[in-house]
Amino acid sequence: MHRVTAEQIRKRKSETPIAMMTAYDAAFARIAEAAGIDVLLVGDSLGMVVLGYGDTAHVELADIIRHTGAVARGTERAHIVADLPFGSYQAGDEEAVRSAVALVKAGATSVKLEGSAEMASRVRAIVGAGIPVMAHIGVRPQTAALDSGFRKQRDVAVLLRDARAHAAAGAYALLLEMVGDEAAAEVTAELPIPTIGIGAGPSCDGQVLVLHDVLGLYPNPPSFVRRYADLGTIATDALRTYAEEVRTKRFPGSLAAPAR
């Protein structure tokens, strides 16, 4: 079975919306693929939802490499986008290419980087090395705390400048994070490549969310998240029952399912 390619994603511009979800391990990646998710993002959000950091800036390239490998081993068909973490591409084009190559060797089928038009040279260099790139504009979590914070981005002129630069550099898709609905619609209409929205309204060519937010595994998700399950509560209740049965010696005395 062949993986969905960047070119196949690019050709879905203005067609059936692209369903994208983060994944960080083989088990959940397998579940997401079985559910029909088109694209799995090994996002640097793993810093918060998996590694317990307060932001994404602490994530290292080695972390993304390890988790990309796990996602790749757990799937067969889904396209795997791996984030270039903070510090792995800012210093120059050559560093960006080296980091992207390392992610592809780990199992990624494309990479994603955050940045304004000034980062278009990184996109061009990585694409020139034969590796597809998804660019990321709007709110950029890696440096948001150092810049304008986590506020909706509505400056259409700036967003269009950045979007056009990345598209011209060869990006196959563009992620728009926390962009005003009208601005996102204008960028989507303007670009020849698909846009993937996260908190960017309904006009994008696809949508992405963080797995742990969607499944209720992480507290206090962003306001734009729709929670589709509360697995955190289910897991807590199950483990509480296990702990009670261990303490009362009901487990492993009987392996029958506990009465509810």
C-alpha atoms as a PDB file:
ATOM      1  CA  MET A   1       0.000   0.000   0.000  1.00  0.00           C
ATOM      2  CA  HIS A   2       1.382   3.405  -0.991  1.00  0.00           C
ATOM      3  CA  ARG A   3       1.157   6.489   1.189  1.00  0.00           C
ATOM      4  CA  VAL A   4      -0.825   9.533   0.160  1.00  0.00           C
ATOM      5  CA  THR A   5       1.657  11.853  -1.534  1.00  0.00           C
ATOM      6  CA  ALA A   6       2.124  15.595  -1.286  1.00  0.00           C
ATOM      7  CA  GLU A   7       1.147  15.883  -4.937  1.00  0.00           C
ATOM      8  CA  GLN A   8      -2.143  14.078  -4.279  1.00  0.00           C
ATOM      9  CA  ILE A   9      -2.853  16.504  -1.458  1.00  0.00           C
ATOM     10  CA  ARG A  10      -1.961  19.494  -3.633  1.00  0.00           C
ATOM     11  CA  LYS A  11      -4.405  18.321  -6.315  1.00  0.00           C
ATOM     12  CA  ARG A  12      -7.254  18.301  -3.797  1.00  0.00           C
ATOM     13  CA  LYS A  13      -7.382  22.083  -3.835  1.00  0.00           C
ATOM     14  CA  SER A  14     -11.069  23.117  -3.807  1.00  0.00           C
ATOM     15  CA  GLU A  15     -12.175  19.468  -3.827  1.00  0.00           C
ATOM     16  CA  THR A  16     -13.131  17.167  -0.916  1.00  0.00           C
ATOM     17  CA  PRO A  17     -11.825  18.849   2.253  1.00  0.00           C
ATOM     18  CA  ILE A  18      -8.654  17.323   3.705  1.00  0.00           C
ATOM     19  CA  ALA A  19      -8.956  15.759   7.172  1.00  0.00           C
ATOM     20  CA  MET A  20      -5.711  16.178   9.118  1.00  0.00           C
ATOM     21  CA  MET A  21      -4.946  15.215  12.724  1.00  0.00           C
ATOM     22  CA  THR A  22      -1.872  15.184  14.925  1.00  0.00           C
ATOM     23  CA  ALA A  23      -0.370  11.838  15.958  1.00  0.00           C
ATOM     24  CA  TYR A  24       2.631  11.059  18.115  1.00  0.00           C
ATOM     25  CA  ASP A  25       2.747   7.281  18.544  1.00  0.00           C
ATOM     26  CA  ALA A  26       2.035   4.072  16.664  1.00  0.00           C
ATOM     27  CA  ALA A  27      -1.166   3.192  18.532  1.00  0.00           C
ATOM     28  CA  PHE A  28      -3.081   6.418  17.921  1.00  0.00           C
ATOM     29  CA  ALA A  29      -1.627   6.778  14.423  1.00  0.00           C
ATOM     30  CA  ARG A  30      -3.046   3.352  13.569  1.00  0.00           C
ATOM     31  CA  ILE A  31      -6.445   4.372  14.952  1.00  0.00           C
ATOM     32  CA  ALA A  32      -6.441   7.666  13.033  1.00  0.00           C
ATOM     33  CA  GLU A  33      -5.549   5.955   9.778  1.00  0.00           C
ATOM     34  CA  ALA A  34      -8.283   3.355  10.298  1.00  0.00           C
ATOM     35  CA  ALA A  35     -10.720   6.243  10.825  1.00  0.00           C
ATOM     36  CA  GLY A  36      -9.868   7.620   7.387  1.00  0.00           C
ATOM     37  CA  ILE A  37      -7.668  10.570   8.372  1.00  0.00           C
ATOM     38  CA  ASP A  38      -5.826  11.712   5.229  1.00  0.00           C
ATOM     39  CA  VAL A  39      -2.827  13.421   6.814  1.00  0.00           C
ATOM     40  CA  LEU A  40      -1.099  12.824  10.145  1.00  0.00           C
ATOM     41  CA  LEU A  41       0.934  15.658  11.621  1.00  0.00           C
ATOM     42  CA  VAL A  42       3.740  14.770  14.000  1.00  0.00           C
ATOM     43  CA  GLY A  43       3.457  18.202  15.501  1.00  0.00           C
ATOM     44  CA  ASP A  44       5.726  19.929  17.971  1.00  0.00           C
ATOM     45  CA  SER A  45       2.557  20.197  20.059  1.00  0.00           C
ATOM     46  CA  LEU A  46       3.886  16.903  21.444  1.00  0.00           C
ATOM     47  CA  GLY A  47       5.966  19.124  23.707  1.00  0.00           C
ATOM     48  CA  MET A  48       2.824  20.039  25.632  1.00  0.00           C
ATOM     49  CA  VAL A  49       0.442  17.109  25.204  1.00  0.00           C
ATOM     50  CA  VAL A  50       3.023  14.299  25.462  1.00  0.00           C
ATOM     51  CA  LEU A  51       6.210  15.642  27.054  1.00  0.00           C
ATOM     52  CA  GLY A  52       4.620  18.016  29.561  1.00  0.00           C
ATOM     53  CA  TYR A  53       6.309  21.277  28.564  1.00  0.00           C
ATOM     54  CA  GLY A  54       4.477  24.570  28.722  1.00  0.00           C
ATOM     55  CA  ASP A  55       5.140  25.413  25.072  1.00  0.00           C
ATOM     56  CA  THR A  56       6.577  24.011  21.843  1.00  0.00           C
ATOM     57  CA  ALA A  57       9.933  25.807  21.999  1.00  0.00           C
ATOM     58  CA  HIS A  58      11.529  23.084  24.141  1.00  0.00           C
ATOM     59  CA  VAL A  59      10.973  20.330  21.562  1.00  0.00           C
ATOM     60  CA  GLU A  60      14.167  19.042  19.944  1.00  0.00           C
ATOM     61  CA  LEU A  61      14.665  17.576  16.495  1.00  0.00           C
ATOM     62  CA  ALA A  62      15.452  14.237  18.156  1.00  0.00           C
ATOM     63  CA  ASP A  63      11.971  14.267  19.742  1.00  0.00           C
ATOM     64  CA  ILE A  64      10.254  14.745  16.382  1.00  0.00           C
ATOM     65  CA  ILE A  65      12.473  12.089  14.777  1.00  0.00           C
ATOM     66  CA  ARG A  66      11.561   9.541  17.457  1.00  0.00           C
ATOM     67  CA  HIS A  67       7.825  10.210  17.276  1.00  0.00           C
ATOM     68  CA  THR A  68       7.808  10.351  13.472  1.00  0.00           C
ATOM     69  CA  GLY A  69       9.303   6.887  13.399  1.00  0.00           C
ATOM     70  CA  ALA A  70       6.596   5.607  15.731  1.00  0.00           C
ATOM     71  CA  VAL A  71       3.811   7.091  13.590  1.00  0.00           C
ATOM     72  CA  ALA A  72       5.364   5.694  10.422  1.00  0.00           C
ATOM     73  CA  ARG A  73       5.622   2.194  11.910  1.00  0.00           C
ATOM     74  CA  GLY A  74       1.983   2.314  12.972  1.00  0.00           C
ATOM     75  CA  THR A  75       0.580   3.259   9.561  1.00  0.00           C
ATOM     76  CA  GLU A  76       0.684   2.333   5.891  1.00  0.00           C
ATOM     77  CA  ARG A  77      -1.398   4.817   3.878  1.00  0.00           C
ATOM     78  CA  ALA A  78      -1.627   8.184   5.637  1.00  0.00           C
ATOM     79  CA  HIS A  79       0.591  11.060   4.571  1.00  0.00           C
ATOM     80  CA  ILE A  80       2.940  11.924   7.438  1.00  0.00           C
ATOM     81  CA  VAL A  81       3.939  15.558   7.944  1.00  0.00           C
ATOM     82  CA  ALA A  82       6.694  16.123  10.508  1.00  0.00           C
ATOM     83  CA  ASP A  83       7.236  19.490  12.157  1.00  0.00           C
ATOM     84  CA  LEU A  84      10.634  21.128  11.966  1.00  0.00           C
ATOM     85  CA  PRO A  85      10.972  22.214  15.613  1.00  0.00           C
ATOM     86  CA  PHE A  86      12.242  25.544  16.825  1.00  0.00           C
ATOM     87  CA  GLY A  87      15.987  25.833  16.324  1.00  0.00           C
ATOM     88  CA  SER A  88      16.242  23.192  13.603  1.00  0.00           C
ATOM     89  CA  TYR A  89      15.907  25.488  10.568  1.00  0.00           C
ATOM     90  CA  GLN A  90      16.222  29.131  11.584  1.00  0.00           C
ATOM     91  CA  ALA A  91      20.011  29.372  11.221  1.00  0.00           C
ATOM     92  CA  GLY A  92      20.096  28.850   7.478  1.00  0.00           C
ATOM     93  CA  ASP A  93      18.985  26.909   4.430  1.00  0.00           C
ATOM     94  CA  GLU A  94      21.614  24.201   4.833  1.00  0.00           C
ATOM     95  CA  GLU A  95      20.567  23.472   8.394  1.00  0.00           C
ATOM     96  CA  ALA A  96      16.926  23.364   7.282  1.00  0.00           C
ATOM     97  CA  VAL A  97      17.729  20.799   4.591  1.00  0.00           C
ATOM     98  CA  ARG A  98      19.734  18.627   7.014  1.00  0.00           C
ATOM     99  CA  SER A  99      16.876  18.649   9.519  1.00  0.00           C
ATOM    100  CA  ALA A 100      14.300  17.839   6.833  1.00  0.00           C
ATOM    101  CA  VAL A 101      16.420  14.942   5.539  1.00  0.00           C
ATOM    102  CA  ALA A 102      16.621  13.514   9.065  1.00  0.00           C
ATOM    103  CA  LEU A 103      12.818  13.594   9.356  1.00  0.00           C
ATOM    104  CA  VAL A 104      12.325  11.889   5.998  1.00  0.00           C
ATOM    105  CA  LYS A 105      14.777   9.174   7.043  1.00  0.00           C
ATOM    106  CA  ALA A 106      12.654   8.673  10.163  1.00  0.00           C
ATOM    107  CA  GLY A 107       9.520   8.123   8.049  1.00  0.00           C
ATOM    108  CA  ALA A 108       8.048  11.522   7.175  1.00  0.00           C
ATOM    109  CA  THR A 109       6.603  12.058   3.703  1.00  0.00           C
ATOM    110  CA  SER A 110       6.816  15.839   4.041  1.00  0.00           C
ATOM    111  CA  VAL A 111       7.889  18.452   6.578  1.00  0.00           C
ATOM    112  CA  LYS A 112       6.278  21.604   7.972  1.00  0.00           C
ATOM    113  CA  LEU A 113       7.928  24.834   9.012  1.00  0.00           C
ATOM    114  CA  GLU A 114       6.624  28.036  10.539  1.00  0.00           C
ATOM    115  CA  GLY A 115       7.534  31.415   9.184  1.00  0.00           C
ATOM    116  CA  SER A 116       6.670  34.590   7.325  1.00  0.00           C
ATOM    117  CA  ALA A 117       7.812  35.434   3.801  1.00  0.00           C
ATOM    118  CA  GLU A 118      11.372  35.712   5.113  1.00  0.00           C
ATOM    119  CA  MET A 119      11.405  31.926   5.581  1.00  0.00           C
ATOM    120  CA  ALA A 120      10.528  31.245   1.933  1.00  0.00           C
ATOM    121  CA  SER A 121      14.182  30.522   1.168  1.00  0.00           C
ATOM    122  CA  ARG A 122      14.042  27.603   3.615  1.00  0.00           C
ATOM    123  CA  VAL A 123      11.030  26.220   1.776  1.00  0.00           C
ATOM    124  CA  ARG A 124      12.799  26.620  -1.563  1.00  0.00           C
ATOM    125  CA  ALA A 125      15.960  24.910  -0.315  1.00  0.00           C
ATOM    126  CA  ILE A 126      14.114  21.924   1.172  1.00  0.00           C
ATOM    127  CA  VAL A 127      11.920  21.510  -1.902  1.00  0.00           C
ATOM    128  CA  GLY A 128      15.086  21.764  -3.990  1.00  0.00           C
ATOM    129  CA  ALA A 129      16.417  18.776  -2.061  1.00  0.00           C
ATOM    130  CA  GLY A 130      13.364  16.773  -3.147  1.00  0.00           C
ATOM    131  CA  ILE A 131      11.376  17.015   0.098  1.00  0.00           C
ATOM    132  CA  PRO A 132       7.800  18.393   0.036  1.00  0.00           C
ATOM    133  CA  VAL A 133       7.090  21.273   2.413  1.00  0.00           C
ATOM    134  CA  MET A 134       3.917  22.498   4.105  1.00  0.00           C
ATOM    135  CA  ALA A 135       4.350  26.094   5.230  1.00  0.00           C
ATOM    136  CA  HIS A 136       2.704  27.517   8.370  1.00  0.00           C
ATOM    137  CA  ILE A 137       1.602  31.155   8.746  1.00  0.00           C
ATOM    138  CA  GLY A 138      -0.757  33.160  10.917  1.00  0.00           C
ATOM    139  CA  VAL A 139      -0.107  32.481  14.593  1.00  0.00           C
ATOM    140  CA  ARG A 140       3.208  30.646  14.830  1.00  0.00           C
ATOM    141  CA  PRO A 141       3.362  28.896  18.230  1.00  0.00           C
ATOM    142  CA  GLN A 142       7.139  28.448  18.246  1.00  0.00           C
ATOM    143  CA  THR A 143       7.696  32.197  18.546  1.00  0.00           C
ATOM    144  CA  ALA A 144       4.238  33.605  19.333  1.00  0.00           C
ATOM    145  CA  ALA A 145       5.158  34.410  22.929  1.00  0.00           C
ATOM    146  CA  LEU A 146       8.088  36.479  21.637  1.00  0.00           C
ATOM    147  CA  ASP A 147       5.999  38.382  19.101  1.00  0.00           C
ATOM    148  CA  SER A 148       2.283  39.210  18.883  1.00  0.00           C
ATOM    149  CA  GLY A 149       1.021  36.398  21.094  1.00  0.00           C
ATOM    150  CA  PHE A 150      -1.876  34.053  20.410  1.00  0.00           C
ATOM    151  CA  ARG A 151      -4.249  36.585  18.860  1.00  0.00           C
ATOM    152  CA  LYS A 152      -6.281  36.110  15.702  1.00  0.00           C
ATOM    153  CA  GLN A 153      -4.355  37.292  12.665  1.00  0.00           C
ATOM    154  CA  ARG A 154      -6.517  39.466  10.386  1.00  0.00           C
ATOM    155  CA  ASP A 155      -4.065  41.552   8.350  1.00  0.00           C
ATOM    156  CA  VAL A 156      -4.909  40.284   4.863  1.00  0.00           C
ATOM    157  CA  ALA A 157      -2.014  42.120   3.199  1.00  0.00           C
ATOM    158  CA  VAL A 158       0.569  40.476   5.471  1.00  0.00           C
ATOM    159  CA  LEU A 159      -1.049  37.049   5.241  1.00  0.00           C
ATOM    160  CA  LEU A 160      -1.218  37.231   1.446  1.00  0.00           C
ATOM    161  CA  ARG A 161       2.400  38.350   1.265  1.00  0.00           C
ATOM    162  CA  ASP A 162       3.531  35.377   3.344  1.00  0.00           C
ATOM    163  CA  ALA A 163       1.237  32.909   1.568  1.00  0.00           C
ATOM    164  CA  ARG A 164       2.324  33.972  -1.910  1.00  0.00           C
ATOM    165  CA  ALA A 165       5.999  33.785  -0.949  1.00  0.00           C
ATOM    166  CA  HIS A 166       5.679  30.214   0.327  1.00  0.00           C
ATOM    167  CA  ALA A 167       3.614  29.089  -2.649  1.00  0.00           C
ATOM    168  CA  ALA A 168       6.144  30.615  -5.033  1.00  0.00           C
ATOM    169  CA  ALA A 169       8.949  28.838  -3.145  1.00  0.00           C
ATOM    170  CA  GLY A 170       7.285  25.486  -3.846  1.00  0.00           C
ATOM    171  CA  ALA A 171       5.190  24.654  -0.777  1.00  0.00           C
ATOM    172  CA  TYR A 172       2.525  22.069  -1.624  1.00  0.00           C
ATOM    173  CA  ALA A 173       0.116  23.282   1.098  1.00  0.00           C
ATOM    174  CA  LEU A 174      -0.244  26.062   3.648  1.00  0.00           C
ATOM    175  CA  LEU A 175      -1.384  25.789   7.252  1.00  0.00           C
ATOM    176  CA  LEU A 176      -3.286  28.821   8.579  1.00  0.00           C
ATOM    177  CA  GLU A 177      -3.394  29.020  12.380  1.00  0.00           C
ATOM    178  CA  MET A 178      -5.777  31.360  14.200  1.00  0.00           C
ATOM    179  CA  VAL A 179      -6.486  33.470  11.139  1.00  0.00           C
ATOM    180  CA  GLY A 180      -9.696  35.471  10.893  1.00  0.00           C
ATOM    181  CA  ASP A 181     -12.399  33.751   8.834  1.00  0.00           C
ATOM    182  CA  GLU A 182     -12.560  36.445   6.150  1.00  0.00           C
ATOM    183  CA  ALA A 183      -8.779  36.657   5.829  1.00  0.00           C
ATOM    184  CA  ALA A 184      -8.514  32.861   5.599  1.00  0.00           C
ATOM    185  CA  ALA A 185     -11.171  32.811   2.892  1.00  0.00           C
ATOM    186  CA  GLU A 186      -9.278  35.426   0.891  1.00  0.00           C
ATOM    187  CA  VAL A 187      -5.960  33.600   1.196  1.00  0.00           C
ATOM    188  CA  THR A 188      -7.600  30.291   0.253  1.00  0.00           C
ATOM    189  CA  ALA A 189      -9.215  31.829  -2.822  1.00  0.00           C
ATOM    190  CA  GLU A 190      -5.949  33.456  -3.881  1.00  0.00           C
ATOM    191  CA  LEU A 191      -3.582  30.489  -3.517  1.00  0.00           C
ATOM    192  CA  PRO A 192      -3.145  27.665  -6.062  1.00  0.00           C
ATOM    193  CA  ILE A 193      -2.278  25.253  -3.232  1.00  0.00           C
ATOM    194  CA  PRO A 194      -4.562  23.890  -0.472  1.00  0.00           C
ATOM    195  CA  THR A 195      -4.923  25.673   2.846  1.00  0.00           C
ATOM    196  CA  ILE A 196      -5.316  23.711   6.070  1.00  0.00           C
ATOM    197  CA  GLY A 197      -6.998  25.612   8.875  1.00  0.00           C
ATOM    198  CA  ILE A 198      -6.695  25.401  12.638  1.00  0.00           C
ATOM    199  CA  GLY A 199      -8.901  28.041  14.185  1.00  0.00           C
ATOM    200  CA  ALA A 200      -9.176  29.673  10.759  1.00  0.00           C
ATOM    201  CA  GLY A 201     -12.822  29.183   9.853  1.00  0.00           C
ATOM    202  CA  PRO A 202     -14.691  27.037   7.325  1.00  0.00           C
ATOM    203  CA  SER A 203     -13.261  28.320   4.038  1.00  0.00           C
ATOM    204  CA  CYS A 204      -9.958  26.433   4.137  1.00  0.00           C
ATOM    205  CA  ASP A 205      -9.376  23.384   1.936  1.00  0.00           C
ATOM    206  CA  GLY A 206      -8.869  21.206   5.021  1.00  0.00           C
ATOM    207  CA  GLN A 207      -8.803  21.240   8.797  1.00  0.00           C
ATOM    208  CA  VAL A 208      -6.368  20.028  11.456  1.00  0.00           C
ATOM    209  CA  LEU A 209      -6.699  19.676  15.227  1.00  0.00           C
ATOM    210  CA  VAL A 210      -4.562  18.284  18.031  1.00  0.00           C
ATOM    211  CA  LEU A 211      -5.518  14.684  18.814  1.00  0.00           C
ATOM    212  CA  HIS A 212      -5.461  15.147  22.576  1.00  0.00           C
ATOM    213  CA  ASP A 213      -7.830  18.125  22.329  1.00  0.00           C
ATOM    214  CA  VAL A 214     -10.280  16.235  20.122  1.00  0.00           C
ATOM    215  CA  LEU A 215     -10.350  13.162  22.376  1.00  0.00           C
ATOM    216  CA  GLY A 216     -10.490  14.979  25.705  1.00  0.00           C
ATOM    217  CA  LEU A 217      -7.012  13.941  26.796  1.00  0.00           C
ATOM    218  CA  TYR A 218      -5.644  17.432  27.429  1.00  0.00           C
ATOM    219  CA  PRO A 219      -7.143  20.084  29.736  1.00  0.00           C
ATOM    220  CA  ASN A 220      -8.169  23.549  28.570  1.00  0.00           C
ATOM    221  CA  PRO A 221      -8.082  23.171  24.781  1.00  0.00           C
ATOM    222  CA  PRO A 222      -8.302  26.295  22.569  1.00  0.00           C
ATOM    223  CA  SER A 223     -11.740  27.803  22.071  1.00  0.00           C
ATOM    224  CA  PHE A 224     -11.911  26.716  18.416  1.00  0.00           C
ATOM    225  CA  VAL A 225     -11.608  23.005  19.276  1.00  0.00           C
ATOM    226  CA  ARG A 226     -14.604  20.681  19.055  1.00  0.00           C
ATOM    227  CA  ARG A 227     -14.231  17.802  21.513  1.00  0.00           C
ATOM    228  CA  TYR A 228     -15.526  14.566  19.972  1.00  0.00           C
ATOM    229  CA  ALA A 229     -14.938  12.276  22.973  1.00  0.00           C
ATOM    230  CA  ASP A 230     -13.956  12.429  26.634  1.00  0.00           C
ATOM    231  CA  LEU A 231     -11.382   9.668  26.778  1.00  0.00           C
ATOM    232  CA  GLY A 232      -9.663  11.345  29.706  1.00  0.00           C
ATOM    233  CA  THR A 233     -12.642  10.670  31.952  1.00  0.00           C
ATOM    234  CA  ILE A 234     -13.098   7.148  30.587  1.00  0.00           C
ATOM    235  CA  ALA A 235      -9.436   6.321  31.204  1.00  0.00           C
ATOM    236  CA  THR A 236      -9.466   7.825  34.713  1.00  0.00           C
ATOM    237  CA  ASP A 237     -12.560   5.819  35.656  1.00  0.00           C
ATOM    238  CA  ALA A 238     -11.057   2.603  34.276  1.00  0.00           C
ATOM    239  CA  LEU A 239      -7.786   3.076  36.141  1.00  0.00           C
ATOM    240  CA  ARG A 240      -9.615   4.017  39.338  1.00  0.00           C
ATOM    241  CA  THR A 241     -11.558   0.746  39.123  1.00  0.00           C
ATOM    242  CA  TYR A 242      -8.312  -1.154  38.569  1.00  0.00           C
ATOM    243  CA  ALA A 243      -6.679   0.503  41.564  1.00  0.00           C
ATOM    244  CA  GLU A 244      -9.683  -0.307  43.777  1.00  0.00           C
ATOM    245  CA  GLU A 245      -9.663  -3.948  42.670  1.00  0.00           C
ATOM    246  CA  VAL A 246      -5.951  -4.274  43.392  1.00  0.00           C
ATOM    247  CA  ARG A 247      -6.376  -2.808  46.882  1.00  0.00           C
ATOM    248  CA  THR A 248      -9.352  -5.039  47.671  1.00  0.00           C
ATOM    249  CA  LYS A 249      -7.670  -8.085  46.049  1.00  0.00           C
ATOM    250  CA  ARG A 250     -10.488  -8.559  43.540  1.00  0.00           C
ATOM    251  CA  PHE A 251      -7.792  -8.443  40.862  1.00  0.00           C
ATOM    252  CA  PRO A 252      -6.270 -10.793  39.832  1.00  0.00           C
ATOM    253  CA  GLY A 253      -8.542 -13.112  41.738  1.00  0.00           C
ATOM    254  CA  SER A 254     -11.066 -13.108  38.927  1.00  0.00           C
ATOM    255  CA  LEU A 255     -10.440 -12.053  35.363  1.00  0.00           C
ATOM    256  CA  ALA A 256     -14.128 -11.655  34.592  1.00  0.00           C
ATOM    257  CA  ALA A 257     -15.197  -8.158  33.571  1.00  0.00           C
ATOM    258  CA  PRO A 258     -16.134  -6.098  36.669  1.00  0.00           C
ATOM    259  CA  ALA A 259     -19.809  -5.410  37.263  1.00  0.00           C
ATOM    260  CA  ARG A 260     -20.890  -1.879  36.421  1.00  0.00           C
END
